[in-house]
Amino acid sequence: LFHAPNPRVTFNASVGMRNEQARSFFASAGLNIRLGARHSVSAGGSYGQGQSNAALAYQYSDRQRSGLSAQATLGTLNARARLTGSAHWESRYTALQG
């Protein structure tokens, strides 16, 4: 399920079933908000196979003007916190990522 009440806000949700070695169910939901042309934040969560997960993220993208994009995510997996981040810069002949 995907719903965008306006160009700045989107909601998503999904549920499903897997039938591999054992039958399992999963569910997820999320929200994304654009804060202008280059900034956005998102939040989401999911549960499946006995694991829960939640995340808050910030994304910056200015690839057309400066070639720079970056993101940071604070999330949990079964109540253990995780912080990740990355940045990418590219020009006509060079790309750096970290």
Protein backbone atom coordinates (compact mmCIF):
# COMPACT_ATOMS: atom_id res chain seq x y z
CA LEU A 1 0.00 0.00 0.00
CA PHE A 2 1.40 3.40 -0.99
CA HIS A 3 -0.28 6.76 -0.38
CA ALA A 4 0.97 10.27 -1.18
CA PRO A 5 -1.51 12.88 0.10
CA ASN A 6 0.70 15.62 -1.36
CA PRO A 7 4.08 15.82 -3.17
CA ARG A 8 6.00 16.22 0.12
CA VAL A 9 4.56 13.32 2.17
CA THR A 10 4.36 9.61 1.39
CA PHE A 11 3.13 6.69 3.48
CA ASN A 12 3.76 3.03 2.79
CA ALA A 13 2.67 -0.22 4.38
CA SER A 14 2.95 -3.88 3.49
CA VAL A 15 2.06 -7.26 4.91
CA GLY A 16 2.93 -10.64 3.57
CA MET A 17 3.59 -14.28 4.09
CA ARG A 18 6.62 -16.39 3.26
CA ASN A 19 6.40 -20.12 2.91
CA GLU A 20 9.98 -21.39 2.69
CA GLN A 21 11.07 -23.93 5.31
CA ALA A 22 8.33 -22.71 7.63
CA ARG A 23 5.44 -20.33 7.16
CA SER A 24 6.13 -16.82 8.45
CA PHE A 25 4.37 -13.48 8.30
CA PHE A 26 5.82 -9.96 8.12
CA ALA A 27 4.54 -6.39 8.26
CA SER A 28 6.13 -2.99 7.67
CA ALA A 29 5.12 0.67 7.60
CA GLY A 30 6.90 3.92 6.83
CA LEU A 31 6.60 7.66 6.36
CA ASN A 32 8.77 9.97 4.23
CA ILE A 33 8.66 13.79 4.36
CA ARG A 34 10.50 16.04 1.89
CA LEU A 35 11.80 19.22 3.56
CA GLY A 36 12.54 21.14 0.40
CA ALA A 37 14.41 20.30 -2.78
CA ARG A 38 17.44 18.65 -1.11
CA HIS A 39 16.39 17.43 2.35
CA SER A 40 14.09 14.63 3.51
CA VAL A 41 13.44 12.60 6.65
CA SER A 42 11.87 9.20 7.01
CA ALA A 43 10.69 6.84 9.72
CA GLY A 44 9.72 3.23 9.47
CA GLY A 45 9.36 -0.04 11.22
CA SER A 46 8.88 -3.71 10.50
CA TYR A 47 8.29 -7.01 12.20
CA GLY A 48 8.85 -10.49 10.84
CA GLN A 49 10.21 -13.87 11.90
CA GLY A 50 10.38 -12.76 15.52
CA GLN A 51 12.52 -9.69 14.77
CA SER A 52 11.43 -6.08 15.11
CA ASN A 53 13.19 -3.17 13.48
CA ALA A 54 12.69 0.61 13.50
CA ALA A 55 14.61 3.45 11.87
CA LEU A 56 14.77 7.25 11.62
CA ALA A 57 16.74 8.65 8.69
CA TYR A 58 17.86 11.96 7.21
CA GLN A 59 18.83 12.30 3.54
CA TYR A 60 20.55 15.19 1.76
CA SER A 61 20.97 15.25 -2.01
CA ASP A 62 22.48 18.03 -4.09
CA ARG A 63 24.00 15.91 -6.87
CA GLN A 64 22.91 18.19 -9.70
CA ARG A 65 24.58 21.33 -8.29
CA SER A 66 27.47 20.18 -6.09
CA GLY A 67 27.64 16.42 -6.72
CA LEU A 68 27.14 15.72 -3.00
CA SER A 69 24.68 13.43 -1.27
CA ALA A 70 24.64 12.08 2.28
CA GLN A 71 22.45 10.13 4.66
CA ALA A 72 22.35 9.18 8.32
CA THR A 73 20.18 6.51 9.93
CA LEU A 74 19.47 5.72 13.56
CA GLY A 75 17.75 2.40 13.92
CA THR A 76 17.07 -0.53 16.17
CA LEU A 77 17.10 -4.25 15.54
CA ASN A 78 15.53 -6.21 18.41
CA ALA A 79 16.14 -3.26 20.80
CA ARG A 80 19.84 -2.87 19.84
CA ALA A 81 20.63 0.61 18.54
CA ARG A 82 22.58 1.17 15.33
CA LEU A 83 23.83 4.41 13.79
CA THR A 84 24.97 4.47 10.17
CA GLY A 85 25.94 7.19 7.74
CA SER A 86 27.34 7.61 4.28
CA ALA A 87 28.36 10.35 1.89
CA HIS A 88 28.93 10.42 -1.86
CA TRP A 89 30.55 13.08 -4.01
CA GLU A 90 31.05 12.93 -7.73
CA SER A 91 32.36 15.17 -10.45
CA ARG A 92 32.81 14.60 -14.16
CA TYR A 93 35.77 12.21 -13.78
CA THR A 94 35.84 11.35 -10.06
CA ALA A 95 33.60 9.74 -7.48
CA LEU A 96 34.29 9.43 -3.75
CA GLN A 97 32.17 7.40 -1.40
CA GLY A 98 32.44 6.69 2.29
